[in-house]
Each structure stands twice: as structure tokens, then as C-alpha cells.
Amino acid sequence: MKTIIYILLVCGFIIGCNTTKPIASKTNEKLANAKLSDTVKIENDSLEYQIIIIEPGFNAWLVGNARPEGFYSQTFLENRNIIYVNEWNRRATNPTQFNGNLYQMQIDYYYGIDYGYEVNYKLYNYFIYFQLTYNQRLGPFTPRI
């Protein structure tokens, strides 16, 4: 009789420990997928504009930390991007004063051209990510999420 009780207790313990498994949420899956791909390609097919960002961690940051698409208006994004791009290009052309490893290339972004919402959204969020990650300030605004 004692052996039956011990066997039932052991079986109950094994079953009890095995039934609690963590359920992966969709956010965790998005973050895992984002970490696998550190290259973000931003493009507007109709206008043939394309930005390729090769920055470790940006894609995961974009999925996990950035405001959702539609949070900002396109006008807001365009206005901020033109300020950030101008400062970025100024620093890229002056590698003796600014870190040449951070500002390797200039960005061709012009005021008055409609690049589309997605290009503006991801470019803006890259500037925010860049400023927070590398402790830089590209404009008069405090970078925040």
C-alpha cells in the first residue's frame, strides 16, 4: 500500500512540474526575430527611395521601444528628419571634429520631397536610436521615446 502511495506521489510530482511551461507572447517573438536581422531596409517603391541601415540592435529597438507607426504625423517626421539630417551631414563632412566612425556617410534627404510615411518613420526612429545609443545630440530636441 505504501509503495502505491509513493508511486502516485512521484507521478503527481513529475506531472505537476511538467505542466507549467511559459507561453511566448507575440512581442517576445517579434523581438527574437528582430535580433536575428540587424539590417533594416526602408524603401518607398513608388518613388524609388531606399535607405539601408546596418546597425546591430536597431531592428530590435524599433520593434520593442519605438512608438507605433501612425503615432507621429508625416509632417512632424519630415520636420524633425530635415533637422537631424542637416546636423548629421555637417558632422559627416567634418571628421576631425566629430567621430568619423559614427558619421561615415552623408544622407541624401531633401526638404520638399515626399519620401512617404514609412521612410520618414524609420529614419526618424533611427536618429532617436542613434542619439540614445551613442549619447549624441543631433538637434535642439532631447531624444526620447
N, C-alpha and C. Protein backbone atom coordinates (compact mmCIF):
# COMPACT_ATOMS: atom_id res chain seq x y z
N MET A 1 0.81 -1.19 0.00
CA MET A 1 0.00 0.00 0.00
C MET A 1 0.87 1.27 0.00
N LYS A 2 1.96 1.24 0.80
CA LYS A 2 2.85 2.39 0.85
C LYS A 2 3.51 2.63 -0.50
N THR A 3 3.87 1.58 -1.19
CA THR A 3 4.54 1.74 -2.50
C THR A 3 3.60 2.38 -3.51
N ILE A 4 2.33 2.08 -3.45
CA ILE A 4 1.37 2.67 -4.37
C ILE A 4 1.25 4.18 -4.09
N ILE A 5 1.24 4.55 -2.84
CA ILE A 5 1.15 5.96 -2.48
C ILE A 5 2.41 6.70 -2.94
N TYR A 6 3.60 6.09 -2.73
CA TYR A 6 4.84 6.71 -3.18
C TYR A 6 4.88 6.87 -4.70
N ILE A 7 4.43 5.84 -5.39
CA ILE A 7 4.41 5.90 -6.86
C ILE A 7 3.46 7.01 -7.33
N LEU A 8 2.28 7.10 -6.71
CA LEU A 8 1.34 8.16 -7.07
C LEU A 8 1.90 9.55 -6.76
N LEU A 9 2.59 9.71 -5.63
CA LEU A 9 3.20 10.99 -5.29
C LEU A 9 4.29 11.38 -6.28
N VAL A 10 5.12 10.42 -6.64
CA VAL A 10 6.20 10.70 -7.60
C VAL A 10 5.60 11.06 -8.96
N CYS A 11 4.59 10.29 -9.40
CA CYS A 11 3.94 10.59 -10.68
C CYS A 11 3.27 11.96 -10.64
N GLY A 12 2.62 12.27 -9.54
CA GLY A 12 1.98 13.58 -9.40
C GLY A 12 2.99 14.71 -9.41
N PHE A 13 4.13 14.48 -8.77
CA PHE A 13 5.19 15.50 -8.76
C PHE A 13 5.75 15.71 -10.16
N ILE A 14 5.99 14.66 -10.89
CA ILE A 14 6.53 14.77 -12.25
C ILE A 14 5.53 15.47 -13.16
N ILE A 15 4.27 15.08 -13.08
CA ILE A 15 3.25 15.71 -13.91
C ILE A 15 3.07 17.17 -13.52
N GLY A 16 3.09 17.45 -12.23
CA GLY A 16 2.93 18.82 -11.77
C GLY A 16 4.06 19.74 -12.23
N CYS A 17 5.27 19.25 -12.26
CA CYS A 17 6.41 20.06 -12.70
C CYS A 17 6.41 20.25 -14.21
N ASN A 18 5.89 19.31 -14.92
CA ASN A 18 5.93 19.35 -16.38
C ASN A 18 4.83 20.21 -16.98
N THR A 19 3.78 20.52 -16.26
CA THR A 19 2.65 21.22 -16.85
C THR A 19 2.84 22.73 -16.94
N THR A 20 3.76 23.29 -16.18
CA THR A 20 3.95 24.73 -16.23
C THR A 20 5.03 25.08 -17.24
N LYS A 21 4.62 25.51 -18.40
CA LYS A 21 5.54 25.94 -19.44
C LYS A 21 5.22 27.39 -19.78
N PRO A 22 6.25 28.22 -19.94
CA PRO A 22 5.98 29.61 -20.29
C PRO A 22 5.41 29.73 -21.69
N ILE A 23 4.45 30.61 -21.82
CA ILE A 23 3.83 30.86 -23.11
C ILE A 23 4.51 32.08 -23.72
N ALA A 24 5.07 31.91 -24.88
CA ALA A 24 5.76 33.01 -25.56
C ALA A 24 4.73 33.98 -26.12
N SER A 25 4.91 35.23 -25.80
CA SER A 25 3.98 36.23 -26.32
C SER A 25 4.42 36.67 -27.71
N LYS A 26 3.55 37.35 -28.41
CA LYS A 26 3.87 37.83 -29.75
C LYS A 26 4.99 38.86 -29.70
N THR A 27 5.06 39.65 -28.64
CA THR A 27 6.12 40.64 -28.51
C THR A 27 7.47 39.96 -28.39
N ASN A 28 7.54 38.89 -27.60
CA ASN A 28 8.79 38.16 -27.48
C ASN A 28 9.21 37.55 -28.80
N GLU A 29 8.26 37.06 -29.57
CA GLU A 29 8.57 36.50 -30.88
C GLU A 29 9.08 37.59 -31.82
N LYS A 30 8.45 38.77 -31.78
CA LYS A 30 8.90 39.88 -32.62
C LYS A 30 10.32 40.30 -32.26
N LEU A 31 10.61 40.36 -30.96
CA LEU A 31 11.94 40.74 -30.53
C LEU A 31 12.98 39.71 -30.95
N ALA A 32 12.63 38.44 -30.85
CA ALA A 32 13.57 37.39 -31.25
C ALA A 32 13.85 37.46 -32.75
N ASN A 33 12.81 37.69 -33.54
CA ASN A 33 13.00 37.81 -34.98
C ASN A 33 13.79 39.07 -35.33
N ALA A 34 13.56 40.13 -34.59
CA ALA A 34 14.26 41.38 -34.86
C ALA A 34 15.74 41.27 -34.56
N LYS A 35 16.10 40.52 -33.54
CA LYS A 35 17.51 40.36 -33.19
C LYS A 35 18.25 39.56 -34.25
N LEU A 36 17.55 38.69 -34.95
CA LEU A 36 18.19 37.90 -35.99
C LEU A 36 18.60 38.75 -37.18
N SER A 37 17.87 39.79 -37.46
CA SER A 37 18.15 40.63 -38.62
C SER A 37 18.52 42.03 -38.17
N ASP A 38 19.81 42.38 -38.32
CA ASP A 38 20.26 43.70 -37.92
C ASP A 38 20.28 44.67 -39.08
N THR A 39 19.82 44.25 -40.24
CA THR A 39 19.76 45.12 -41.40
C THR A 39 18.31 45.51 -41.62
N VAL A 40 18.07 46.82 -41.64
CA VAL A 40 16.73 47.33 -41.88
C VAL A 40 16.74 48.02 -43.23
N LYS A 41 15.84 47.62 -44.09
CA LYS A 41 15.73 48.20 -45.41
C LYS A 41 14.45 49.02 -45.45
N ILE A 42 14.61 50.30 -45.72
CA ILE A 42 13.47 51.21 -45.77
C ILE A 42 13.35 51.66 -47.20
N GLU A 43 12.18 51.46 -47.76
CA GLU A 43 12.04 51.87 -49.15
C GLU A 43 10.62 52.32 -49.46
N ASN A 44 10.54 53.16 -50.46
CA ASN A 44 9.28 53.61 -50.99
C ASN A 44 9.30 53.23 -52.47
N ASP A 45 8.64 52.13 -52.80
CA ASP A 45 8.70 51.58 -54.16
C ASP A 45 8.19 52.54 -55.22
N SER A 46 7.15 53.28 -54.90
CA SER A 46 6.57 54.16 -55.91
C SER A 46 7.50 55.33 -56.25
N LEU A 47 8.31 55.77 -55.30
CA LEU A 47 9.20 56.90 -55.55
C LEU A 47 10.66 56.47 -55.74
N GLU A 48 10.93 55.20 -55.53
CA GLU A 48 12.25 54.63 -55.69
C GLU A 48 13.28 55.23 -54.73
N TYR A 49 12.89 55.43 -53.48
CA TYR A 49 13.81 55.87 -52.44
C TYR A 49 14.08 54.69 -51.54
N GLN A 50 15.33 54.59 -51.11
CA GLN A 50 15.70 53.44 -50.30
C GLN A 50 16.77 53.85 -49.29
N ILE A 51 16.61 53.38 -48.07
CA ILE A 51 17.61 53.56 -47.02
C ILE A 51 17.91 52.18 -46.47
N ILE A 52 19.18 51.87 -46.33
CA ILE A 52 19.58 50.61 -45.72
C ILE A 52 20.36 50.94 -44.46
N ILE A 53 19.88 50.46 -43.33
CA ILE A 53 20.53 50.70 -42.05
C ILE A 53 21.11 49.38 -41.57
N ILE A 54 22.41 49.36 -41.43
CA ILE A 54 23.09 48.18 -40.90
C ILE A 54 23.63 48.57 -39.54
N GLU A 55 22.84 48.35 -38.54
CA GLU A 55 23.17 48.78 -37.18
C GLU A 55 22.73 47.68 -36.22
N PRO A 56 23.67 47.01 -35.57
CA PRO A 56 23.30 45.95 -34.63
C PRO A 56 22.39 46.50 -33.53
N GLY A 57 21.26 45.88 -33.36
CA GLY A 57 20.33 46.25 -32.30
C GLY A 57 19.24 47.21 -32.70
N PHE A 58 19.36 47.87 -33.86
CA PHE A 58 18.34 48.85 -34.22
C PHE A 58 17.00 48.20 -34.48
N ASN A 59 16.99 47.10 -35.20
CA ASN A 59 15.73 46.44 -35.53
C ASN A 59 15.00 45.99 -34.26
N ALA A 60 15.74 45.43 -33.32
CA ALA A 60 15.12 45.02 -32.05
C ALA A 60 14.61 46.22 -31.28
N TRP A 61 15.37 47.32 -31.30
CA TRP A 61 14.94 48.53 -30.63
C TRP A 61 13.68 49.09 -31.29
N LEU A 62 13.64 49.06 -32.62
CA LEU A 62 12.49 49.58 -33.35
C LEU A 62 11.22 48.82 -32.98
N VAL A 63 11.34 47.50 -32.89
CA VAL A 63 10.17 46.68 -32.56
C VAL A 63 9.78 46.84 -31.10
N GLY A 64 10.76 46.92 -30.22
CA GLY A 64 10.46 46.91 -28.79
C GLY A 64 10.26 48.27 -28.13
N ASN A 65 10.86 49.33 -28.68
CA ASN A 65 10.85 50.60 -27.97
C ASN A 65 10.18 51.76 -28.71
N ALA A 66 10.23 51.75 -30.02
CA ALA A 66 9.72 52.90 -30.79
C ALA A 66 8.21 53.01 -30.69
N ARG A 67 7.73 54.23 -30.85
CA ARG A 67 6.28 54.45 -30.90
C ARG A 67 5.73 53.75 -32.15
N PRO A 68 4.50 53.28 -32.11
CA PRO A 68 3.95 52.57 -33.27
C PRO A 68 3.76 53.49 -34.47
N GLU A 69 3.76 52.88 -35.64
CA GLU A 69 3.51 53.66 -36.86
C GLU A 69 2.15 54.33 -36.73
N GLY A 70 2.07 55.56 -37.17
CA GLY A 70 0.84 56.33 -37.06
C GLY A 70 0.81 57.22 -35.84
N PHE A 71 1.73 57.05 -34.91
CA PHE A 71 1.76 57.87 -33.71
C PHE A 71 2.11 59.31 -34.06
N TYR A 72 3.10 59.48 -34.96
CA TYR A 72 3.51 60.81 -35.40
C TYR A 72 2.91 61.09 -36.77
N SER A 73 2.68 62.36 -37.05
CA SER A 73 2.23 62.73 -38.39
C SER A 73 3.43 62.77 -39.33
N GLN A 74 3.17 62.65 -40.60
CA GLN A 74 4.26 62.69 -41.58
C GLN A 74 4.95 64.06 -41.57
N THR A 75 4.20 65.11 -41.37
CA THR A 75 4.77 66.45 -41.31
C THR A 75 5.75 66.58 -40.14
N PHE A 76 5.37 66.06 -38.98
CA PHE A 76 6.25 66.08 -37.81
C PHE A 76 7.55 65.35 -38.12
N LEU A 77 7.42 64.14 -38.70
CA LEU A 77 8.60 63.34 -39.02
C LEU A 77 9.50 64.04 -40.03
N GLU A 78 8.91 64.63 -41.05
CA GLU A 78 9.70 65.33 -42.07
C GLU A 78 10.45 66.51 -41.46
N ASN A 79 9.79 67.27 -40.61
CA ASN A 79 10.43 68.43 -39.98
C ASN A 79 11.59 68.02 -39.08
N ARG A 80 11.41 66.98 -38.30
CA ARG A 80 12.50 66.50 -37.44
C ARG A 80 13.62 65.89 -38.27
N ASN A 81 13.26 65.13 -39.29
CA ASN A 81 14.29 64.48 -40.11
C ASN A 81 15.19 65.50 -40.81
N ILE A 82 14.62 66.58 -41.30
CA ILE A 82 15.45 67.56 -42.01
C ILE A 82 16.45 68.20 -41.04
N ILE A 83 16.05 68.42 -39.80
CA ILE A 83 16.97 68.97 -38.79
C ILE A 83 18.07 67.96 -38.49
N TYR A 84 17.68 66.70 -38.27
CA TYR A 84 18.66 65.66 -37.94
C TYR A 84 19.60 65.39 -39.11
N VAL A 85 19.08 65.34 -40.32
CA VAL A 85 19.91 65.07 -41.50
C VAL A 85 20.91 66.20 -41.71
N ASN A 86 20.50 67.44 -41.57
CA ASN A 86 21.41 68.57 -41.74
C ASN A 86 22.57 68.49 -40.74
N GLU A 87 22.27 68.19 -39.50
CA GLU A 87 23.33 68.08 -38.49
C GLU A 87 24.20 66.86 -38.76
N TRP A 88 23.58 65.75 -39.14
CA TRP A 88 24.34 64.53 -39.46
C TRP A 88 25.33 64.82 -40.59
N ASN A 89 24.86 65.45 -41.66
CA ASN A 89 25.72 65.74 -42.81
C ASN A 89 26.84 66.72 -42.44
N ARG A 90 26.53 67.67 -41.59
CA ARG A 90 27.57 68.59 -41.13
C ARG A 90 28.67 67.84 -40.39
N ARG A 91 28.28 66.89 -39.56
CA ARG A 91 29.26 66.10 -38.81
C ARG A 91 30.01 65.12 -39.71
N ALA A 92 29.32 64.59 -40.71
CA ALA A 92 29.97 63.64 -41.63
C ALA A 92 31.04 64.33 -42.47
N THR A 93 30.85 65.61 -42.77
CA THR A 93 31.83 66.34 -43.58
C THR A 93 32.96 66.91 -42.74
N ASN A 94 32.90 66.73 -41.43
CA ASN A 94 33.93 67.26 -40.55
C ASN A 94 34.43 66.15 -39.61
N PRO A 95 35.15 65.15 -40.13
CA PRO A 95 35.57 64.02 -39.29
C PRO A 95 36.66 64.36 -38.28
N THR A 96 37.32 65.50 -38.44
CA THR A 96 38.34 65.87 -37.45
C THR A 96 37.71 66.38 -36.16
N GLN A 97 36.54 66.96 -36.26
CA GLN A 97 35.86 67.48 -35.08
C GLN A 97 34.93 66.43 -34.45
N PHE A 98 34.34 65.58 -35.30
CA PHE A 98 33.40 64.58 -34.82
C PHE A 98 33.93 63.19 -35.14
N ASN A 99 33.49 62.21 -34.41
CA ASN A 99 33.95 60.84 -34.59
C ASN A 99 33.61 60.33 -35.99
N GLY A 100 34.63 60.07 -36.78
CA GLY A 100 34.45 59.59 -38.15
C GLY A 100 33.85 58.20 -38.22
N ASN A 101 33.96 57.44 -37.13
CA ASN A 101 33.36 56.10 -37.12
C ASN A 101 31.84 56.16 -36.95
N LEU A 102 31.35 57.22 -36.34
CA LEU A 102 29.90 57.36 -36.16
C LEU A 102 29.23 57.95 -37.39
N TYR A 103 29.87 58.91 -38.01
CA TYR A 103 29.28 59.64 -39.13
C TYR A 103 30.09 59.32 -40.39
N GLN A 104 29.88 58.13 -40.94
CA GLN A 104 30.71 57.68 -42.05
C GLN A 104 30.23 58.20 -43.40
N MET A 105 28.94 58.32 -43.57
CA MET A 105 28.40 58.72 -44.86
C MET A 105 27.38 59.85 -44.68
N GLN A 106 27.25 60.66 -45.71
CA GLN A 106 26.20 61.67 -45.71
C GLN A 106 24.88 61.02 -46.11
N ILE A 107 23.80 61.67 -45.73
CA ILE A 107 22.46 61.19 -46.05
C ILE A 107 21.84 62.15 -47.06
N ASP A 108 21.38 61.62 -48.17
CA ASP A 108 20.70 62.43 -49.19
C ASP A 108 19.22 62.48 -48.86
N TYR A 109 18.82 63.53 -48.21
CA TYR A 109 17.43 63.73 -47.81
C TYR A 109 17.15 65.21 -48.00
N TYR A 110 16.15 65.52 -48.80
CA TYR A 110 15.91 66.91 -49.17
C TYR A 110 14.52 67.35 -48.75
N TYR A 111 14.44 68.56 -48.27
CA TYR A 111 13.17 69.15 -47.87
C TYR A 111 12.29 69.34 -49.11
N GLY A 112 11.03 69.03 -48.98
CA GLY A 112 10.08 69.23 -50.07
C GLY A 112 9.82 68.00 -50.90
N ILE A 113 10.61 66.95 -50.73
CA ILE A 113 10.37 65.70 -51.46
C ILE A 113 9.55 64.78 -50.55
N ASP A 114 8.49 64.20 -51.08
CA ASP A 114 7.64 63.29 -50.31
C ASP A 114 8.24 61.89 -50.37
N TYR A 115 8.94 61.50 -49.32
CA TYR A 115 9.56 60.18 -49.26
C TYR A 115 8.59 59.11 -48.78
N GLY A 116 7.44 59.51 -48.32
CA GLY A 116 6.46 58.56 -47.81
C GLY A 116 6.58 58.41 -46.31
N TYR A 117 5.55 57.87 -45.72
CA TYR A 117 5.49 57.78 -44.26
C TYR A 117 6.52 56.79 -43.72
N GLU A 118 6.63 55.62 -44.34
CA GLU A 118 7.50 54.57 -43.80
C GLU A 118 8.96 55.01 -43.78
N VAL A 119 9.42 55.64 -44.85
CA VAL A 119 10.81 56.12 -44.90
C VAL A 119 11.04 57.14 -43.80
N ASN A 120 10.14 58.10 -43.66
CA ASN A 120 10.28 59.13 -42.64
C ASN A 120 10.20 58.55 -41.23
N TYR A 121 9.31 57.60 -41.01
CA TYR A 121 9.14 56.99 -39.70
C TYR A 121 10.40 56.24 -39.26
N LYS A 122 10.92 55.42 -40.14
CA LYS A 122 12.09 54.63 -39.76
C LYS A 122 13.35 55.47 -39.69
N LEU A 123 13.48 56.46 -40.55
CA LEU A 123 14.62 57.35 -40.47
C LEU A 123 14.60 58.13 -39.16
N TYR A 124 13.45 58.66 -38.80
CA TYR A 124 13.32 59.39 -37.54
C TYR A 124 13.68 58.50 -36.35
N ASN A 125 13.14 57.28 -36.36
CA ASN A 125 13.44 56.38 -35.24
C ASN A 125 14.89 55.96 -35.22
N TYR A 126 15.54 55.88 -36.38
CA TYR A 126 16.97 55.58 -36.37
C TYR A 126 17.73 56.73 -35.71
N PHE A 127 17.35 57.96 -36.01
CA PHE A 127 18.03 59.08 -35.38
C PHE A 127 17.84 59.07 -33.87
N ILE A 128 16.67 58.74 -33.40
CA ILE A 128 16.42 58.64 -31.96
C ILE A 128 17.27 57.52 -31.36
N TYR A 129 17.27 56.36 -32.01
CA TYR A 129 18.08 55.23 -31.55
C TYR A 129 19.56 55.62 -31.50
N PHE A 130 20.04 56.24 -32.56
CA PHE A 130 21.44 56.64 -32.65
C PHE A 130 21.82 57.59 -31.52
N GLN A 131 20.98 58.58 -31.28
CA GLN A 131 21.27 59.56 -30.24
C GLN A 131 21.28 58.94 -28.85
N LEU A 132 20.34 58.05 -28.60
CA LEU A 132 20.28 57.40 -27.29
C LEU A 132 21.42 56.40 -27.10
N THR A 133 21.75 55.67 -28.15
CA THR A 133 22.77 54.62 -28.05
C THR A 133 24.17 55.21 -27.93
N TYR A 134 24.48 56.21 -28.71
CA TYR A 134 25.83 56.77 -28.75
C TYR A 134 25.98 58.09 -27.99
N ASN A 135 24.96 58.45 -27.23
CA ASN A 135 24.97 59.65 -26.41
C ASN A 135 25.34 60.88 -27.24
N GLN A 136 24.67 61.05 -28.34
CA GLN A 136 24.87 62.18 -29.25
C GLN A 136 23.61 63.03 -29.22
N ARG A 137 23.76 64.25 -29.68
CA ARG A 137 22.59 65.13 -29.79
C ARG A 137 22.65 65.81 -31.15
N LEU A 138 21.70 65.49 -32.01
CA LEU A 138 21.71 65.99 -33.38
C LEU A 138 20.85 67.23 -33.58
N GLY A 139 20.19 67.67 -32.59
CA GLY A 139 19.32 68.83 -32.75
C GLY A 139 18.99 69.46 -31.42
N PRO A 140 18.12 70.45 -31.44
CA PRO A 140 17.75 71.14 -30.20
C PRO A 140 16.81 70.34 -29.31
N PHE A 141 16.34 69.20 -29.80
CA PHE A 141 15.36 68.41 -29.05
C PHE A 141 16.06 67.31 -28.28
N THR A 142 15.59 67.05 -27.07
CA THR A 142 16.12 65.95 -26.29
C THR A 142 15.59 64.65 -26.88
N PRO A 143 16.48 63.73 -27.29
CA PRO A 143 15.99 62.49 -27.86
C PRO A 143 15.30 61.62 -26.81
N ARG A 144 14.10 61.22 -27.10
CA ARG A 144 13.34 60.36 -26.18
C ARG A 144 12.37 59.53 -26.98
N ILE A 145 11.91 58.53 -26.34
CA ILE A 145 10.98 57.61 -27.00
C ILE A 145 9.57 58.10 -26.82
